[in-house]
C-alpha atoms as a PDB file:
ATOM      1  CA  UNK A   1     -62.256  12.041  14.106  1.00  0.00           C
ATOM      2  CA  UNK A   2     -61.272  11.512  17.731  1.00  0.00           C
ATOM      3  CA  UNK A   3     -58.515  13.138  19.758  1.00  0.00           C
ATOM      4  CA  UNK A   4     -56.010  10.330  19.110  1.00  0.00           C
ATOM      5  CA  UNK A   5     -56.357  10.755  15.351  1.00  0.00           C
ATOM      6  CA  UNK A   6     -55.747  14.481  15.673  1.00  0.00           C
ATOM      7  CA  UNK A   7     -52.630  14.024  17.797  1.00  0.00           C
ATOM      8  CA  UNK A   8     -51.227  11.428  15.402  1.00  0.00           C
ATOM      9  CA  UNK A   9     -51.227  14.129  12.732  1.00  0.00           C
ATOM     10  CA  UNK A  10     -50.138  17.046  14.935  1.00  0.00           C
ATOM     11  CA  UNK A  11     -47.420  16.736  17.555  1.00  0.00           C
ATOM     12  CA  UNK A  12     -48.866  19.454  19.772  1.00  0.00           C
ATOM     13  CA  UNK A  13     -52.003  21.481  20.262  1.00  0.00           C
ATOM     14  CA  UNK A  14     -50.077  24.495  19.002  1.00  0.00           C
ATOM     15  CA  UNK A  15     -49.136  22.662  15.773  1.00  0.00           C
ATOM     16  CA  UNK A  16     -52.829  21.930  15.241  1.00  0.00           C
ATOM     17  CA  UNK A  17     -53.706  25.607  15.794  1.00  0.00           C
ATOM     18  CA  UNK A  18     -51.004  26.735  13.358  1.00  0.00           C
ATOM     19  CA  UNK A  19     -52.441  24.382  10.728  1.00  0.00           C
ATOM     20  CA  UNK A  20     -55.963  25.707  11.363  1.00  0.00           C
ATOM     21  CA  UNK A  21     -54.846  29.319  11.152  1.00  0.00           C
ATOM     22  CA  UNK A  22     -52.947  28.672   7.937  1.00  0.00           C
ATOM     23  CA  UNK A  23     -56.011  27.020   6.408  1.00  0.00           C
ATOM     24  CA  UNK A  24     -58.078  30.069   7.417  1.00  0.00           C
ATOM     25  CA  UNK A  25     -55.416  32.372   5.950  1.00  0.00           C
ATOM     26  CA  UNK A  26     -55.438  30.389   2.684  1.00  0.00           C
ATOM     27  CA  UNK A  27     -59.184  30.877   2.428  1.00  0.00           C
ATOM     28  CA  UNK A  28     -58.947  34.541   3.428  1.00  0.00           C
ATOM     29  CA  UNK A  29     -56.276  35.295   0.843  1.00  0.00           C
ATOM     30  CA  UNK A  30     -58.410  33.662  -1.831  1.00  0.00           C
ATOM     31  CA  UNK A  31     -61.366  35.856  -0.803  1.00  0.00           C
ATOM     32  CA  UNK A  32     -59.236  39.011  -1.007  1.00  0.00           C
ATOM     33  CA  UNK A  33     -58.043  38.013  -4.469  1.00  0.00           C
ATOM     34  CA  UNK A  34     -61.519  37.150  -5.747  1.00  0.00           C
ATOM     35  CA  UNK A  35     -63.128  40.293  -4.299  1.00  0.00           C
ATOM     36  CA  UNK A  36     -60.620  42.434  -6.260  1.00  0.00           C
ATOM     37  CA  UNK A  37     -60.578  44.994  -3.461  1.00  0.00           C
ATOM     38  CA  UNK A  38     -58.388  47.522  -5.233  1.00  0.00           C
ATOM     39  CA  UNK A  39     -59.491  46.914  -8.829  1.00  0.00           C
ATOM     40  CA  UNK A  40     -63.290  46.534  -8.770  1.00  0.00           C
ATOM     41  CA  UNK A  41     -65.629  49.442  -8.106  1.00  0.00           C
ATOM     42  CA  UNK A  42     -65.430  49.977  -4.357  1.00  0.00           C
ATOM     43  CA  UNK A  43     -69.086  49.193  -3.539  1.00  0.00           C
ATOM     44  CA  UNK A  44     -68.960  46.028  -5.654  1.00  0.00           C
ATOM     45  CA  UNK A  45     -65.704  44.933  -4.005  1.00  0.00           C
ATOM     46  CA  UNK A  46     -67.167  45.524  -0.534  1.00  0.00           C
ATOM     47  CA  UNK A  47     -70.237  43.417  -1.190  1.00  0.00           C
ATOM     48  CA  UNK A  48     -68.205  40.695  -2.873  1.00  0.00           C
ATOM     49  CA  UNK A  49     -65.725  40.621   0.033  1.00  0.00           C
ATOM     50  CA  UNK A  50     -68.477  40.264   2.637  1.00  0.00           C
ATOM     51  CA  UNK A  51     -70.347  37.645   0.638  1.00  0.00           C
ATOM     52  CA  UNK A  52     -67.188  35.559   0.207  1.00  0.00           C
ATOM     53  CA  UNK A  53     -65.738  36.000   3.709  1.00  0.00           C
ATOM     54  CA  UNK A  54     -68.909  34.911   5.523  1.00  0.00           C
ATOM     55  CA  UNK A  55     -68.576  31.228   4.587  1.00  0.00           C
ATOM     56  CA  UNK A  56     -64.871  31.373   5.508  1.00  0.00           C
ATOM     57  CA  UNK A  57     -65.702  32.828   8.901  1.00  0.00           C
ATOM     58  CA  UNK A  58     -68.323  30.136   9.429  1.00  0.00           C
ATOM     59  CA  UNK A  59     -66.045  27.322   8.298  1.00  0.00           C
ATOM     60  CA  UNK A  60     -62.991  28.491  10.261  1.00  0.00           C
ATOM     61  CA  UNK A  61     -64.306  30.098  13.490  1.00  0.00           C
ATOM     62  CA  UNK A  62     -60.834  30.253  15.044  1.00  0.00           C
ATOM     63  CA  UNK A  63     -59.476  33.374  16.714  1.00  0.00           C
ATOM     64  CA  UNK A  64     -55.859  34.287  16.000  1.00  0.00           C
ATOM     65  CA  UNK A  65     -55.542  35.414  19.605  1.00  0.00           C
ATOM     66  CA  UNK A  66     -55.441  31.736  20.547  1.00  0.00           C
ATOM     67  CA  UNK A  67     -52.175  31.202  18.684  1.00  0.00           C
ATOM     68  CA  UNK A  68     -49.563  31.216  21.428  1.00  0.00           C
ATOM     69  CA  UNK A  69     -46.395  30.015  19.762  1.00  0.00           C
ATOM     70  CA  UNK A  70     -45.650  33.194  17.907  1.00  0.00           C
ATOM     71  CA  UNK A  71     -45.253  31.231  14.682  1.00  0.00           C
ATOM     72  CA  UNK A  72     -43.457  33.906  12.640  1.00  0.00           C
ATOM     73  CA  UNK A  73     -44.522  32.727   9.192  1.00  0.00           C
ATOM     74  CA  UNK A  74     -48.181  32.529  10.172  1.00  0.00           C
ATOM     75  CA  UNK A  75     -48.046  35.916  11.887  1.00  0.00           C
ATOM     76  CA  UNK A  76     -46.394  37.462   8.823  1.00  0.00           C
ATOM     77  CA  UNK A  77     -49.139  36.074   6.573  1.00  0.00           C
ATOM     78  CA  UNK A  78     -51.797  37.338   8.958  1.00  0.00           C
ATOM     79  CA  UNK A  79     -50.273  40.818   8.877  1.00  0.00           C
ATOM     80  CA  UNK A  80     -50.244  40.808   5.053  1.00  0.00           C
ATOM     81  CA  UNK A  81     -53.941  39.874   4.987  1.00  0.00           C
ATOM     82  CA  UNK A  82     -54.737  42.558   7.583  1.00  0.00           C
ATOM     83  CA  UNK A  83     -52.783  45.159   5.598  1.00  0.00           C
ATOM     84  CA  UNK A  84     -54.692  44.365   2.422  1.00  0.00           C
ATOM     85  CA  UNK A  85     -58.009  44.734   4.208  1.00  0.00           C
ATOM     86  CA  UNK A  86     -56.863  47.917   5.972  1.00  0.00           C
ATOM     87  CA  UNK A  87     -55.915  49.397   2.583  1.00  0.00           C
ATOM     88  CA  UNK A  88     -59.361  48.526   1.270  1.00  0.00           C
ATOM     89  CA  UNK A  89     -61.077  50.241   4.203  1.00  0.00           C
ATOM     90  CA  UNK A  90     -58.857  53.269   3.517  1.00  0.00           C
ATOM     91  CA  UNK A  91     -60.192  53.146  -0.045  1.00  0.00           C
ATOM     92  CA  UNK A  92     -63.768  53.137   1.286  1.00  0.00           C
ATOM     93  CA  UNK A  93     -62.938  56.331   3.175  1.00  0.00           C
ATOM     94  CA  UNK A  94     -61.071  57.920   0.260  1.00  0.00           C
ATOM     95  CA  UNK A  95     -63.977  57.269  -2.106  1.00  0.00           C
ATOM     96  CA  UNK A  96     -66.495  58.680   0.359  1.00  0.00           C
ATOM     97  CA  UNK A  97     -68.331  55.509   1.345  1.00  0.00           C
ATOM     98  CA  UNK A  98     -67.178  55.763   4.961  1.00  0.00           C
ATOM     99  CA  UNK A  99     -66.806  58.918   7.003  1.00  0.00           C
ATOM    100  CA  UNK A 100     -63.318  60.343   7.262  1.00  0.00           C
ATOM    101  CA  UNK A 101     -63.844  61.841  10.739  1.00  0.00           C
ATOM    102  CA  UNK A 102     -64.000  58.510  12.571  1.00  0.00           C
ATOM    103  CA  UNK A 103     -61.220  57.393  14.922  1.00  0.00           C
ATOM    104  CA  UNK A 104     -58.481  55.387  13.165  1.00  0.00           C
ATOM    105  CA  UNK A 105     -59.503  51.748  12.845  1.00  0.00           C
ATOM    106  CA  UNK A 106     -63.204  52.380  13.539  1.00  0.00           C
ATOM    107  CA  UNK A 107     -64.375  51.460  10.029  1.00  0.00           C
ATOM    108  CA  UNK A 108     -62.292  48.296   9.930  1.00  0.00           C
ATOM    109  CA  UNK A 109     -63.396  47.211  13.420  1.00  0.00           C
ATOM    110  CA  UNK A 110     -67.025  47.850  12.511  1.00  0.00           C
ATOM    111  CA  UNK A 111     -66.718  45.818   9.319  1.00  0.00           C
ATOM    112  CA  UNK A 112     -65.072  42.945  11.208  1.00  0.00           C
ATOM    113  CA  UNK A 113     -67.767  42.976  13.903  1.00  0.00           C
ATOM    114  CA  UNK A 114     -70.600  43.070  11.386  1.00  0.00           C
ATOM    115  CA  UNK A 115     -69.108  40.136   9.477  1.00  0.00           C
ATOM    116  CA  UNK A 116     -68.709  38.200  12.726  1.00  0.00           C
ATOM    117  CA  UNK A 117     -72.280  39.025  13.748  1.00  0.00           C
ATOM    118  CA  UNK A 118     -73.693  37.855  10.428  1.00  0.00           C
ATOM    119  CA  UNK A 119     -71.529  34.749  10.336  1.00  0.00           C
ATOM    120  CA  UNK A 120     -72.045  33.482  13.862  1.00  0.00           C
ATOM    121  CA  UNK A 121     -75.182  35.018  15.363  1.00  0.00           C
ATOM    122  CA  UNK A 122     -77.210  34.635  12.177  1.00  0.00           C
ATOM    123  CA  UNK A 123     -75.855  31.446  10.587  1.00  0.00           C
ATOM    124  CA  UNK A 124     -79.097  30.771   8.718  1.00  0.00           C
ATOM    125  CA  UNK A 125     -78.713  33.890   6.591  1.00  0.00           C
ATOM    126  CA  UNK A 126     -77.425  32.990   3.161  1.00  0.00           C
ATOM    127  CA  UNK A 127     -74.202  34.848   2.261  1.00  0.00           C
ATOM    128  CA  UNK A 128     -75.797  37.142  -0.370  1.00  0.00           C
ATOM    129  CA  UNK A 129     -78.572  38.227   2.016  1.00  0.00           C
ATOM    130  CA  UNK A 130     -76.138  38.588   4.921  1.00  0.00           C
ATOM    131  CA  UNK A 131     -73.789  40.622   2.720  1.00  0.00           C
ATOM    132  CA  UNK A 132     -76.664  42.953   1.824  1.00  0.00           C
ATOM    133  CA  UNK A 133     -77.347  43.508   5.536  1.00  0.00           C
ATOM    134  CA  UNK A 134     -73.699  43.962   6.490  1.00  0.00           C
ATOM    135  CA  UNK A 135     -72.994  46.427   3.686  1.00  0.00           C
ATOM    136  CA  UNK A 136     -76.183  48.398   4.301  1.00  0.00           C
ATOM    137  CA  UNK A 137     -75.498  48.560   8.031  1.00  0.00           C
ATOM    138  CA  UNK A 138     -71.883  49.589   7.479  1.00  0.00           C
ATOM    139  CA  UNK A 139     -72.698  52.294   4.974  1.00  0.00           C
ATOM    140  CA  UNK A 140     -76.052  53.523   6.321  1.00  0.00           C
ATOM    141  CA  UNK A 141     -76.297  52.430   9.955  1.00  0.00           C
ATOM    142  CA  UNK A 142     -79.435  51.111  11.592  1.00  0.00           C
ATOM    143  CA  UNK A 143     -81.003  54.344  12.761  1.00  0.00           C
ATOM    144  CA  UNK A 144     -84.289  55.584  11.375  1.00  0.00           C
ATOM    145  CA  UNK A 145     -82.619  58.906  10.502  1.00  0.00           C
ATOM    146  CA  UNK A 146     -84.748  60.659  13.098  1.00  0.00           C
ATOM    147  CA  UNK A 147     -82.907  63.590  14.630  1.00  0.00           C
END
Protein backbone atom coordinates (compact mmCIF):
# COMPACT_ATOMS: atom_id res chain seq x y z
CA UNK A 1 0.00 0.00 0.00
CA UNK A 2 1.49 3.36 -0.93
CA UNK A 3 1.02 6.75 0.69
CA UNK A 4 -1.77 7.81 -1.68
CA UNK A 5 -3.84 4.76 -0.76
CA UNK A 6 -3.41 5.53 2.93
CA UNK A 7 -4.46 9.16 2.53
CA UNK A 8 -7.52 8.18 0.49
CA UNK A 9 -8.73 6.26 3.53
CA UNK A 10 -7.60 8.74 6.20
CA UNK A 11 -8.01 12.48 5.83
CA UNK A 12 -5.02 13.30 8.01
CA UNK A 13 -1.99 11.69 9.57
CA UNK A 14 -3.68 12.10 12.94
CA UNK A 15 -6.79 10.22 11.72
CA UNK A 16 -4.50 7.37 10.65
CA UNK A 17 -2.82 7.34 14.08
CA UNK A 18 -6.19 7.31 15.85
CA UNK A 19 -7.23 4.30 13.76
CA UNK A 20 -3.96 2.52 14.56
CA UNK A 21 -4.27 3.21 18.27
CA UNK A 22 -7.86 2.01 18.32
CA UNK A 23 -6.85 -1.21 16.56
CA UNK A 24 -4.11 -1.70 19.17
CA UNK A 25 -6.61 -0.98 21.95
CA UNK A 26 -9.05 -3.53 20.48
CA UNK A 27 -6.33 -6.16 20.56
CA UNK A 28 -5.19 -5.12 24.04
CA UNK A 29 -8.70 -5.30 25.47
CA UNK A 30 -9.12 -8.77 24.00
CA UNK A 31 -5.85 -9.86 25.67
CA UNK A 32 -7.00 -8.51 29.04
CA UNK A 33 -10.29 -10.37 28.70
CA UNK A 34 -8.67 -13.64 27.64
CA UNK A 35 -5.97 -13.50 30.33
CA UNK A 36 -8.70 -13.26 33.01
CA UNK A 37 -6.48 -11.03 35.12
CA UNK A 38 -8.78 -10.85 38.12
CA UNK A 39 -10.37 -14.31 37.92
CA UNK A 40 -7.57 -16.77 37.09
CA UNK A 41 -4.86 -17.70 39.58
CA UNK A 42 -2.52 -14.72 39.59
CA UNK A 43 0.59 -16.52 38.27
CA UNK A 44 -1.43 -18.15 35.49
CA UNK A 45 -3.01 -14.81 34.55
CA UNK A 46 0.41 -13.12 34.46
CA UNK A 47 1.90 -15.70 32.12
CA UNK A 48 -1.19 -15.73 29.93
CA UNK A 49 -1.20 -11.92 29.72
CA UNK A 50 2.46 -11.77 28.67
CA UNK A 51 2.10 -14.59 26.17
CA UNK A 52 -0.92 -12.92 24.55
CA UNK A 53 0.32 -9.31 24.65
CA UNK A 54 3.65 -10.06 22.95
CA UNK A 55 2.13 -10.67 19.50
CA UNK A 56 -0.02 -7.54 19.94
CA UNK A 57 3.04 -5.48 20.78
CA UNK A 58 4.84 -6.89 17.76
CA UNK A 59 1.90 -6.35 15.42
CA UNK A 60 1.09 -2.82 16.64
CA UNK A 61 4.43 -1.19 17.59
CA UNK A 62 2.86 2.26 17.92
CA UNK A 63 3.49 4.52 20.91
CA UNK A 64 0.50 6.38 22.33
CA UNK A 65 2.78 9.35 22.95
CA UNK A 66 2.63 10.00 19.21
CA UNK A 67 -1.10 10.71 19.33
CA UNK A 68 -1.29 14.50 19.25
CA UNK A 69 -4.94 15.27 18.68
CA UNK A 70 -6.10 14.47 22.16
CA UNK A 71 -8.82 12.23 20.74
CA UNK A 72 -10.98 11.96 23.88
CA UNK A 73 -12.60 8.62 23.10
CA UNK A 74 -9.28 6.95 22.34
CA UNK A 75 -7.67 8.45 25.43
CA UNK A 76 -10.58 7.27 27.59
CA UNK A 77 -10.22 3.73 26.23
CA UNK A 78 -6.48 3.83 26.82
CA UNK A 79 -7.04 4.89 30.43
CA UNK A 80 -9.50 2.02 30.97
CA UNK A 81 -6.96 -0.48 29.64
CA UNK A 82 -4.21 1.04 31.81
CA UNK A 83 -6.47 0.92 34.88
CA UNK A 84 -7.22 -2.76 34.33
CA UNK A 85 -3.53 -3.57 34.05
CA UNK A 86 -2.68 -1.38 37.06
CA UNK A 87 -5.28 -3.27 39.11
CA UNK A 88 -3.71 -6.55 38.05
CA UNK A 89 -0.24 -5.40 39.11
CA UNK A 90 -1.78 -4.36 42.44
CA UNK A 91 -3.09 -7.92 42.68
CA UNK A 92 0.43 -9.26 42.07
CA UNK A 93 1.60 -7.19 45.03
CA UNK A 94 -1.37 -8.11 47.23
CA UNK A 95 -0.83 -11.82 46.59
CA UNK A 96 2.89 -11.56 47.33
CA UNK A 97 4.31 -12.13 43.86
CA UNK A 98 5.81 -8.64 43.72
CA UNK A 99 7.41 -6.74 46.56
CA UNK A 100 5.24 -4.21 48.33
CA UNK A 101 8.13 -1.88 49.24
CA UNK A 102 8.81 -0.72 45.68
CA UNK A 103 8.03 2.84 44.56
CA UNK A 104 4.50 3.24 43.17
CA UNK A 105 4.39 2.21 39.52
CA UNK A 106 7.71 0.33 39.61
CA UNK A 107 6.17 -3.12 39.08
CA UNK A 108 3.98 -1.94 36.23
CA UNK A 109 6.84 -0.07 34.52
CA UNK A 110 9.08 -3.11 34.86
CA UNK A 111 6.44 -5.39 33.37
CA UNK A 112 5.89 -2.98 30.46
CA UNK A 113 9.63 -2.71 29.79
CA UNK A 114 10.16 -6.46 29.92
CA UNK A 115 7.28 -7.03 27.48
CA UNK A 116 8.71 -4.38 25.16
CA UNK A 117 12.18 -5.92 25.40
CA UNK A 118 10.90 -9.39 24.57
CA UNK A 119 8.66 -8.15 21.78
CA UNK A 120 11.07 -5.87 19.97
CA UNK A 121 14.65 -6.74 20.89
CA UNK A 122 14.05 -10.48 20.75
CA UNK A 123 11.44 -10.90 18.00
CA UNK A 124 12.54 -14.46 17.23
CA UNK A 125 11.47 -15.71 20.65
CA UNK A 126 8.15 -17.48 20.41
CA UNK A 127 5.50 -15.99 22.74
CA UNK A 128 5.43 -18.94 25.19
CA UNK A 129 9.23 -18.92 25.59
CA UNK A 130 9.33 -15.12 25.81
CA UNK A 131 6.54 -15.17 28.40
CA UNK A 132 8.54 -17.66 30.48
CA UNK A 133 11.53 -15.28 30.41
CA UNK A 134 9.50 -12.16 31.14
CA UNK A 135 7.63 -13.73 34.05
CA UNK A 136 10.76 -15.29 35.53
CA UNK A 137 12.67 -12.02 35.23
CA UNK A 138 9.80 -10.03 36.74
CA UNK A 139 9.30 -12.36 39.67
CA UNK A 140 12.89 -13.50 40.29
CA UNK A 141 15.20 -10.96 38.66
CA UNK A 142 18.35 -11.82 36.76
CA UNK A 143 20.86 -11.86 39.59
CA UNK A 144 22.65 -15.01 40.62
CA UNK A 145 21.45 -14.46 44.21
CA UNK A 146 25.02 -13.84 45.31
CA UNK A 147 25.16 -11.38 48.18
